[in-house]
Amino acid sequence: MVQVCVALKNTGEHRAAYVGSVTCVGLLNVLPDWPESDIEKLVFINGTGMLYSSIREMICNITSRGPHFMLTLPSQSFVEMYQSRKTTTSEAVSLGSAVVA
């Protein structure tokens, strides 16, 4: 299972046009012949990327119908997040959950 949450919020004195959060959960199956040593990396990087891109599209779709501009989140790669997760001892991100703000 992979879970991604994107939070839209005010920062400091800047008032955001849209505030809220979107959480997306994915249950992923990996082919049985996939190398066991690469499954965690595959699920973390690709699973998180798929869910984040779905959230990006959903936010675009919802905000395009509002009174303000259409909000487009930047594209995101989760390779560096995976690598930093592997190199840190105090893990801020677990395999089951990735938070993107």
Foldseek 3Di string as FASTA:
>chain_A
DAKEKEFDAADDPRHDPDGDMDMDADDDDDDPPDDPVCPLVCCQFVVRQVRVVVVQVVQQVVQVPDPDHRDGDDRDGCPVVVVVQVVDPPHPADSHYDYDD
